[in-house]
């Protein structure tokens, strides 16, 4: 699926159509498909509509770092964007991308709330 498919007399499929085809072939959930398409579009727009085949590890790192530093997304959101982009490169474009070293969003630290015996009795 690395090259755009085309039948006799038809135009090659656009990149996002190729992504949808691969995801449906692999039986991904519709919401996953929609989410991955969203992140792939944002990645391409972030780099001024440059084709992903012309980009690589440095551009992925720049996008993920921007998400963490400037847009201050949660760690789970940044991981979702990374997974979508890796899917694009590995499964659709069939390009191996390794060694991504972007600034990572920090995971929230929720401390458990512990009540004193008196506070617990007041709640009850």
Protein backbone atom coordinates (compact mmCIF):
# COMPACT_ATOMS: atom_id res chain seq x y z
CA UNK A 1 0.00 0.00 0.00
CA UNK A 2 3.08 2.22 -0.14
CA UNK A 3 2.26 3.72 -3.55
CA UNK A 4 -1.10 5.32 -4.36
CA UNK A 5 -3.42 2.78 -5.94
CA UNK A 6 -4.96 3.51 -9.29
CA UNK A 7 -7.11 1.58 -11.64
CA UNK A 8 -7.07 2.01 -15.36
CA UNK A 9 -7.98 5.60 -16.18
CA UNK A 10 -8.44 6.66 -12.54
CA UNK A 11 -6.48 9.18 -10.52
CA UNK A 12 -4.31 7.84 -7.69
CA UNK A 13 -6.00 7.86 -4.28
CA UNK A 14 -5.30 10.78 -1.99
CA UNK A 15 -3.27 10.16 1.15
CA UNK A 16 -6.17 10.32 3.61
CA UNK A 17 -8.20 7.94 1.43
CA UNK A 18 -5.27 5.53 1.59
CA UNK A 19 -5.19 5.86 5.39
CA UNK A 20 -8.93 5.08 5.56
CA UNK A 21 -8.52 2.07 3.27
CA UNK A 22 -5.71 0.59 5.39
CA UNK A 23 -7.61 1.20 8.63
CA UNK A 24 -10.77 -0.43 7.29
CA UNK A 25 -8.79 -3.36 5.92
CA UNK A 26 -7.36 -3.85 9.42
CA UNK A 27 -10.83 -3.45 11.03
CA UNK A 28 -10.04 -0.40 13.12
CA UNK A 29 -12.96 1.23 14.95
CA UNK A 30 -14.63 4.17 13.21
CA UNK A 31 -13.71 6.53 16.09
CA UNK A 32 -10.07 5.45 15.87
CA UNK A 33 -10.14 6.12 12.14
CA UNK A 34 -11.63 9.58 12.65
CA UNK A 35 -9.13 10.41 15.40
CA UNK A 36 -6.10 9.24 13.39
CA UNK A 37 -7.27 11.20 10.33
CA UNK A 38 -7.61 14.29 12.55
CA UNK A 39 -4.03 13.99 13.87
CA UNK A 40 -2.58 13.26 10.44
CA UNK A 41 -4.29 16.37 9.03
CA UNK A 42 -2.95 18.49 11.91
CA UNK A 43 0.56 17.10 11.35
CA UNK A 44 0.44 17.94 7.63
CA UNK A 45 -1.01 21.42 8.24
CA UNK A 46 1.59 22.10 10.95
CA UNK A 47 4.26 21.61 8.28
CA UNK A 48 2.48 23.83 5.73
CA UNK A 49 0.89 21.00 3.72
CA UNK A 50 4.18 19.26 3.00
CA UNK A 51 3.69 15.60 2.01
CA UNK A 52 4.67 13.20 4.82
CA UNK A 53 6.87 11.24 2.38
CA UNK A 54 9.08 14.36 2.21
CA UNK A 55 9.30 14.59 5.99
CA UNK A 56 10.74 12.34 8.66
CA UNK A 57 11.80 12.01 12.28
CA UNK A 58 12.77 15.68 12.72
CA UNK A 59 9.37 16.93 11.57
CA UNK A 60 7.55 14.43 13.77
CA UNK A 61 9.60 15.55 16.77
CA UNK A 62 8.88 19.22 16.00
CA UNK A 63 5.12 18.55 15.83
CA UNK A 64 5.04 16.51 19.05
CA UNK A 65 7.20 19.07 20.87
CA UNK A 66 4.86 21.86 19.76
CA UNK A 67 1.90 19.89 21.12
CA UNK A 68 3.59 19.52 24.52
CA UNK A 69 5.22 22.94 24.87
CA UNK A 70 3.02 25.45 23.03
CA UNK A 71 -0.36 23.74 23.07
CA UNK A 72 0.18 22.08 26.46
CA UNK A 73 -1.74 18.92 25.61
CA UNK A 74 -1.96 16.02 28.04
CA UNK A 75 0.48 13.13 27.75
CA UNK A 76 -2.30 10.81 26.53
CA UNK A 77 -3.21 13.28 23.78
CA UNK A 78 0.39 13.55 22.65
CA UNK A 79 0.66 9.74 22.61
CA UNK A 80 -2.49 9.52 20.50
CA UNK A 81 -1.01 11.96 17.97
CA UNK A 82 2.24 9.96 17.91
CA UNK A 83 0.39 6.69 17.32
CA UNK A 84 -1.57 8.22 14.43
CA UNK A 85 1.58 9.54 12.77
CA UNK A 86 3.46 6.26 13.27
CA UNK A 87 0.50 4.41 11.73
CA UNK A 88 0.71 6.71 8.71
CA UNK A 89 4.41 6.10 8.20
CA UNK A 90 4.60 2.40 9.05
CA UNK A 91 1.33 0.98 7.72
CA UNK A 92 0.35 3.35 4.91
CA UNK A 93 3.59 4.79 3.52
CA UNK A 94 5.61 1.74 4.63
CA UNK A 95 8.46 3.91 5.92
CA UNK A 96 10.21 2.82 9.12
CA UNK A 97 10.55 5.68 11.61
CA UNK A 98 12.54 5.02 14.79
CA UNK A 99 14.25 7.00 17.53
CA UNK A 100 11.69 9.76 18.00
CA UNK A 101 12.94 12.03 20.77
CA UNK A 102 10.42 14.84 21.31
CA UNK A 103 9.69 16.84 24.43
CA UNK A 104 7.07 14.75 26.19
CA UNK A 105 3.97 16.12 27.83
CA UNK A 106 3.98 15.45 31.56
CA UNK A 107 1.44 13.08 33.02
CA UNK A 108 -0.78 14.61 35.70
CA UNK A 109 0.06 13.68 39.25
CA UNK A 110 -3.08 13.12 41.27
CA UNK A 111 -2.41 12.63 44.93
CA UNK A 112 -4.96 10.55 46.80
CA UNK A 113 -7.11 12.40 49.28
CA UNK A 114 -6.89 10.86 52.73
CA UNK A 115 -9.42 11.87 55.33
CA UNK A 116 -8.75 11.98 59.00
CA UNK A 117 -10.94 9.84 61.25
CA UNK A 118 -12.95 12.93 62.26
CA UNK A 119 -13.45 14.02 58.63
CA UNK A 120 -14.59 10.50 57.67
CA UNK A 121 -17.12 10.50 60.52
CA UNK A 122 -18.36 13.95 59.44
CA UNK A 123 -18.98 12.63 55.91
CA UNK A 124 -20.87 9.60 57.23
